[in-house]
Amino acid sequence: MRIPTAVQHWIVPIVVVAAWEGFGRAGMMPRYLPAPTLIVGALYEVAADGELARALATSLYRVALGFVLGTGAGTLVGLGAGTVPGIRHFFDPLVSFLYAVPKIAFLPVFLLLFGLGHESKIALIAFSCFFPVFIASRHAVLAVDKHLIWTAHNMGAARAATFFRVIVPAAAPQLFAGARIGLAHAFILLFAAELMGARGGIGPLISEGEDAGRFDLMFAGIVTFAVLGFLGDRILMAIRGLVLRGQMIGTLEQAVR
């Protein structure tokens, strides 16, 4: 029998979780790896008293705002760098110099500038998202087929019309690829920033579990982070599908012709 693809995707995770549960219940797992049912119980515990909802609201606010600000700035500057040589020559050395530096190293700077509140976390997340989105946007514009641009100019299209109706649509798939990488960076930096001097959020929930020896609570926070990252990625891909739907249909129609 042929197993459906949707089922195949879940076979390995289900087997791993079942084995983890079985070995955990049998006492064959280390203490710091509690059984999945204990992790679910810890999730229910913090959800019942409202602590999980408060932590989720805090973390979602930080990651959403930081992602929007960093992605927006990276896209705008990257599009400008791909279009205007002067902008490209200014930002390329700066981005090349800072990109390899772990962004969490800038957390003390942002803490001094903005304090322990939301602002420092949001600024750090936005700063981290900027770089991959800038690079993807810059390369997306430079990779646009020059024949498309020349054709638009020969047909009398103004520079603004060529930019918005030719360059941006052609670069859109790579723009979303950069945004997807930026989203992953956003959650990584959120996790790191909340573990270091944060008030509220999922990070302190994980720290509290570790400090108290409640490894089920610690893993409950980690699972929450994983679910948030997965849902954020799925939402972004759904938006990508809607935005690029007309472009993909047009490509298929041209291929059929």
Protein backbone atom coordinates (compact mmCIF):
# COMPACT_ATOMS: atom_id res chain seq x y z
CA MET A 1 0.00 0.00 0.00
CA ARG A 2 1.15 3.47 -0.83
CA ILE A 3 1.18 5.72 2.24
CA PRO A 4 -0.19 9.25 1.55
CA THR A 5 2.42 12.00 1.61
CA ALA A 6 0.64 13.87 4.41
CA VAL A 7 0.86 10.75 6.58
CA GLN A 8 4.52 10.14 5.71
CA HIS A 9 5.42 13.57 7.11
CA TRP A 10 4.10 12.59 10.54
CA ILE A 11 5.39 9.02 10.81
CA VAL A 12 8.87 9.87 12.14
CA PRO A 13 7.72 12.54 14.66
CA ILE A 14 5.01 10.24 16.03
CA VAL A 15 7.45 7.32 16.40
CA VAL A 16 10.02 9.57 18.13
CA VAL A 17 7.46 11.02 20.56
CA ALA A 18 6.02 7.58 21.31
CA ALA A 19 9.50 6.14 21.99
CA TRP A 20 10.37 9.16 24.13
CA GLU A 21 7.17 8.67 26.15
CA GLY A 22 7.75 4.96 26.58
CA PHE A 23 11.37 5.24 27.67
CA GLY A 24 10.52 8.19 29.92
CA ARG A 25 7.74 6.32 31.70
CA ALA A 26 10.09 3.36 32.13
CA GLY A 27 12.69 5.56 33.82
CA MET A 28 15.20 5.03 31.03
CA MET A 29 15.59 8.72 30.14
CA PRO A 30 17.69 11.34 31.96
CA ARG A 31 15.88 13.51 34.49
CA TYR A 32 16.27 16.58 32.28
CA LEU A 33 14.27 14.86 29.48
CA PRO A 34 10.77 14.51 30.95
CA ALA A 35 8.14 12.47 29.12
CA PRO A 36 6.02 14.38 26.57
CA THR A 37 2.88 13.92 28.67
CA LEU A 38 4.61 15.67 31.59
CA ILE A 39 5.52 18.56 29.27
CA VAL A 40 1.88 18.80 28.15
CA GLY A 41 0.86 18.78 31.82
CA ALA A 42 3.23 21.68 32.53
CA LEU A 43 1.78 23.57 29.56
CA TYR A 44 -1.72 23.06 30.93
CA GLU A 45 -0.54 24.22 34.37
CA VAL A 46 0.84 27.56 33.16
CA ALA A 47 -2.09 28.00 30.76
CA ALA A 48 -4.66 27.45 33.51
CA ASP A 49 -3.30 30.22 35.74
CA GLY A 50 -2.92 32.69 32.83
CA GLU A 51 0.88 32.83 32.97
CA LEU A 52 1.27 31.32 29.50
CA ALA A 53 -1.13 33.83 27.93
CA ARG A 54 0.76 36.76 29.45
CA ALA A 55 4.11 35.37 28.34
CA LEU A 56 2.78 34.72 24.82
CA ALA A 57 1.37 38.23 24.52
CA THR A 58 4.68 39.77 25.58
CA SER A 59 6.84 37.64 23.29
CA LEU A 60 4.50 38.00 20.30
CA TYR A 61 4.48 41.76 20.66
CA ARG A 62 8.27 41.89 20.68
CA VAL A 63 8.87 39.50 17.79
CA ALA A 64 6.08 40.84 15.58
CA LEU A 65 7.05 44.48 15.91
CA GLY A 66 10.76 43.77 15.60
CA PHE A 67 10.21 41.59 12.54
CA VAL A 68 8.01 44.17 10.81
CA LEU A 69 10.45 47.02 11.49
CA GLY A 70 13.57 45.06 10.52
CA THR A 71 12.03 43.46 7.44
CA GLY A 72 10.53 46.73 6.28
CA ALA A 73 13.82 48.60 6.66
CA GLY A 74 15.84 45.77 5.10
CA THR A 75 13.50 45.54 2.11
CA LEU A 76 13.41 49.28 1.44
CA VAL A 77 17.16 49.76 1.80
CA GLY A 78 17.89 46.56 -0.13
CA LEU A 79 15.67 47.61 -3.03
CA GLY A 80 17.35 50.99 -3.02
CA ALA A 81 20.80 49.41 -2.94
CA GLY A 82 19.94 47.19 -5.87
CA THR A 83 18.64 50.12 -7.87
CA VAL A 84 20.90 53.06 -6.95
CA PRO A 85 24.68 52.45 -7.07
CA GLY A 86 25.34 55.18 -4.50
CA ILE A 87 23.17 53.47 -1.87
CA ARG A 88 24.78 50.13 -2.72
CA HIS A 89 28.32 51.45 -2.34
CA PHE A 90 27.43 52.97 1.05
CA PHE A 91 25.70 49.95 2.60
CA ASP A 92 27.67 47.04 1.13
CA PRO A 93 30.84 47.55 3.23
CA LEU A 94 28.80 48.28 6.35
CA VAL A 95 26.66 45.16 5.98
CA SER A 96 29.67 42.99 5.12
CA PHE A 97 31.44 44.24 8.24
CA LEU A 98 28.53 43.67 10.66
CA TYR A 99 26.78 40.66 9.17
CA ALA A 100 29.19 38.06 10.57
CA VAL A 101 29.00 39.50 14.10
CA PRO A 102 26.49 37.58 16.31
CA LYS A 103 23.70 40.08 16.85
CA ILE A 104 23.20 38.99 20.45
CA ALA A 105 26.59 40.63 21.12
CA PHE A 106 24.84 43.98 20.64
CA LEU A 107 22.32 43.29 23.42
CA PRO A 108 24.30 45.19 26.10
CA VAL A 109 24.38 48.22 23.79
CA PHE A 110 20.63 48.10 23.24
CA LEU A 111 20.03 47.56 26.97
CA LEU A 112 22.02 50.70 27.73
CA LEU A 113 20.18 52.65 25.05
CA PHE A 114 16.62 51.45 25.69
CA GLY A 115 16.60 49.76 29.11
CA LEU A 116 15.17 46.39 30.15
CA GLY A 117 11.72 46.94 28.63
CA HIS A 118 10.27 46.00 25.28
CA GLU A 119 12.26 48.59 23.35
CA SER A 120 15.66 46.91 23.68
CA LYS A 121 14.31 43.51 22.59
CA ILE A 122 12.38 44.98 19.66
CA ALA A 123 15.40 47.00 18.52
CA LEU A 124 17.68 43.95 18.69
CA ILE A 125 15.22 41.79 16.73
CA ALA A 126 14.77 44.50 14.09
CA PHE A 127 18.54 44.93 13.85
CA SER A 128 19.01 41.18 13.34
CA CYS A 129 16.25 40.93 10.70
CA PHE A 130 17.64 43.83 8.70
CA PHE A 131 20.76 42.08 7.41
CA PRO A 132 19.40 38.92 5.73
CA VAL A 133 16.45 40.84 4.31
CA PHE A 134 18.74 43.58 2.97
CA ILE A 135 21.04 41.05 1.29
CA ALA A 136 18.14 39.12 -0.25
CA SER A 137 16.46 42.30 -1.50
CA ARG A 138 19.66 43.70 -2.97
CA HIS A 139 20.47 40.50 -4.84
CA ALA A 140 16.84 40.10 -5.94
CA VAL A 141 16.90 43.46 -7.71
CA LEU A 142 20.31 42.87 -9.29
CA ALA A 143 19.14 39.44 -10.51
CA VAL A 144 16.11 40.81 -12.38
CA ASP A 145 16.36 40.05 -16.09
CA LYS A 146 17.72 43.18 -17.78
CA HIS A 147 15.65 42.45 -20.87
CA LEU A 148 12.50 43.11 -18.84
CA ILE A 149 13.79 46.50 -17.78
CA TRP A 150 14.97 47.42 -21.28
CA THR A 151 11.63 46.39 -22.73
CA ALA A 152 9.76 48.56 -20.24
CA HIS A 153 11.99 51.55 -21.05
CA ASN A 154 11.59 51.02 -24.80
CA MET A 155 7.83 51.02 -24.35
CA GLY A 156 8.04 54.42 -22.68
CA ALA A 157 7.59 53.38 -19.05
CA ALA A 158 8.83 55.91 -16.50
CA ARG A 159 11.44 54.91 -13.91
CA ALA A 160 8.86 54.73 -11.12
CA ALA A 161 6.53 52.56 -13.22
CA THR A 162 9.43 50.27 -14.19
CA PHE A 163 10.42 49.91 -10.55
CA PHE A 164 6.97 49.12 -9.16
CA ARG A 165 5.55 47.16 -12.10
CA VAL A 166 8.63 45.30 -13.34
CA ILE A 167 11.45 45.17 -10.80
CA VAL A 168 9.45 44.62 -7.60
CA PRO A 169 7.18 41.85 -9.03
CA ALA A 170 10.18 40.08 -10.58
CA ALA A 171 12.11 40.28 -7.30
CA ALA A 172 9.14 39.29 -5.09
CA PRO A 173 10.01 35.55 -4.71
CA GLN A 174 13.48 36.36 -3.40
CA LEU A 175 12.06 39.12 -1.19
CA PHE A 176 9.89 36.56 0.56
CA ALA A 177 12.87 34.21 0.85
CA GLY A 178 14.75 36.95 2.67
CA ALA A 179 11.74 37.66 4.89
CA ARG A 180 11.57 33.98 5.81
CA ILE A 181 15.21 33.99 6.89
CA GLY A 182 14.59 37.22 8.78
CA LEU A 183 11.67 35.61 10.62
CA ALA A 184 13.91 32.76 11.77
CA HIS A 185 16.46 35.31 12.99
CA ALA A 186 13.68 37.16 14.83
CA PHE A 187 12.72 34.10 16.90
CA ILE A 188 16.35 33.19 17.59
CA LEU A 189 17.11 36.69 18.88
CA LEU A 190 13.86 36.80 20.83
CA PHE A 191 14.82 33.61 22.64
CA ALA A 192 18.35 34.82 23.37
CA ALA A 193 17.28 38.32 24.42
CA GLU A 194 14.55 37.09 26.76
CA LEU A 195 16.98 34.77 28.51
CA MET A 196 19.19 37.76 29.33
CA GLY A 197 17.62 40.51 31.36
CA ALA A 198 14.00 40.32 30.16
CA ARG A 199 10.84 41.15 32.07
CA GLY A 200 8.06 38.85 30.99
CA GLY A 201 7.88 36.61 27.95
CA ILE A 202 8.52 32.96 27.25
CA GLY A 203 12.28 33.23 27.85
CA PRO A 204 11.93 33.96 31.59
CA LEU A 205 9.44 31.08 31.80
CA ILE A 206 12.16 28.74 30.53
CA SER A 207 14.69 30.23 32.96
CA GLU A 208 12.31 29.79 35.89
CA GLY A 209 11.82 26.14 35.02
CA GLU A 210 15.57 25.56 34.78
CA ASP A 211 16.31 27.36 38.06
CA ALA A 212 13.60 25.43 39.91
CA GLY A 213 14.60 22.08 38.42
CA ARG A 214 11.22 21.94 36.65
CA PHE A 215 12.47 20.52 33.37
CA ASP A 216 8.91 19.82 32.27
CA LEU A 217 8.21 23.56 32.58
CA MET A 218 11.44 24.39 30.77
CA PHE A 219 10.53 22.14 27.85
CA ALA A 220 7.01 23.56 27.85
CA GLY A 221 8.52 26.97 27.10
CA ILE A 222 10.78 25.51 24.41
CA VAL A 223 7.82 23.76 22.77
CA THR A 224 5.90 27.03 22.85
CA PHE A 225 8.76 28.76 21.04
CA ALA A 226 8.82 25.99 18.44
CA VAL A 227 5.07 26.22 17.83
CA LEU A 228 5.24 30.00 17.52
CA GLY A 229 8.06 29.77 14.99
CA PHE A 230 6.24 27.11 12.99
CA LEU A 231 2.98 29.08 12.89
CA GLY A 232 4.79 32.28 11.98
CA ASP A 233 6.52 30.56 9.09
CA ARG A 234 3.25 29.00 7.86
CA ILE A 235 1.50 32.40 7.98
CA LEU A 236 4.32 34.02 6.02
CA MET A 237 4.21 31.26 3.41
CA ALA A 238 0.44 31.65 3.12
CA ILE A 239 0.87 35.38 2.50
CA ARG A 240 3.56 34.57 -0.06
CA GLY A 241 1.21 32.21 -1.86
CA LEU A 242 -1.52 34.86 -2.03
CA VAL A 243 0.82 37.63 -3.21
CA LEU A 244 2.57 35.50 -5.84
CA ARG A 245 -0.51 33.62 -6.97
CA GLY A 246 -1.17 35.89 -9.95
CA GLN A 247 2.50 35.85 -10.92
CA MET A 248 2.64 32.03 -10.87
CA ILE A 249 -0.60 31.76 -12.86
CA GLY A 250 0.80 34.13 -15.48
CA THR A 251 3.98 32.05 -15.71
CA LEU A 252 1.95 28.86 -16.21
CA GLU A 253 -0.16 30.50 -18.91
CA GLN A 254 2.97 31.57 -20.78
CA ALA A 255 4.39 28.05 -20.50
CA VAL A 256 1.19 26.55 -21.92
CA ARG A 257 1.25 28.95 -24.85
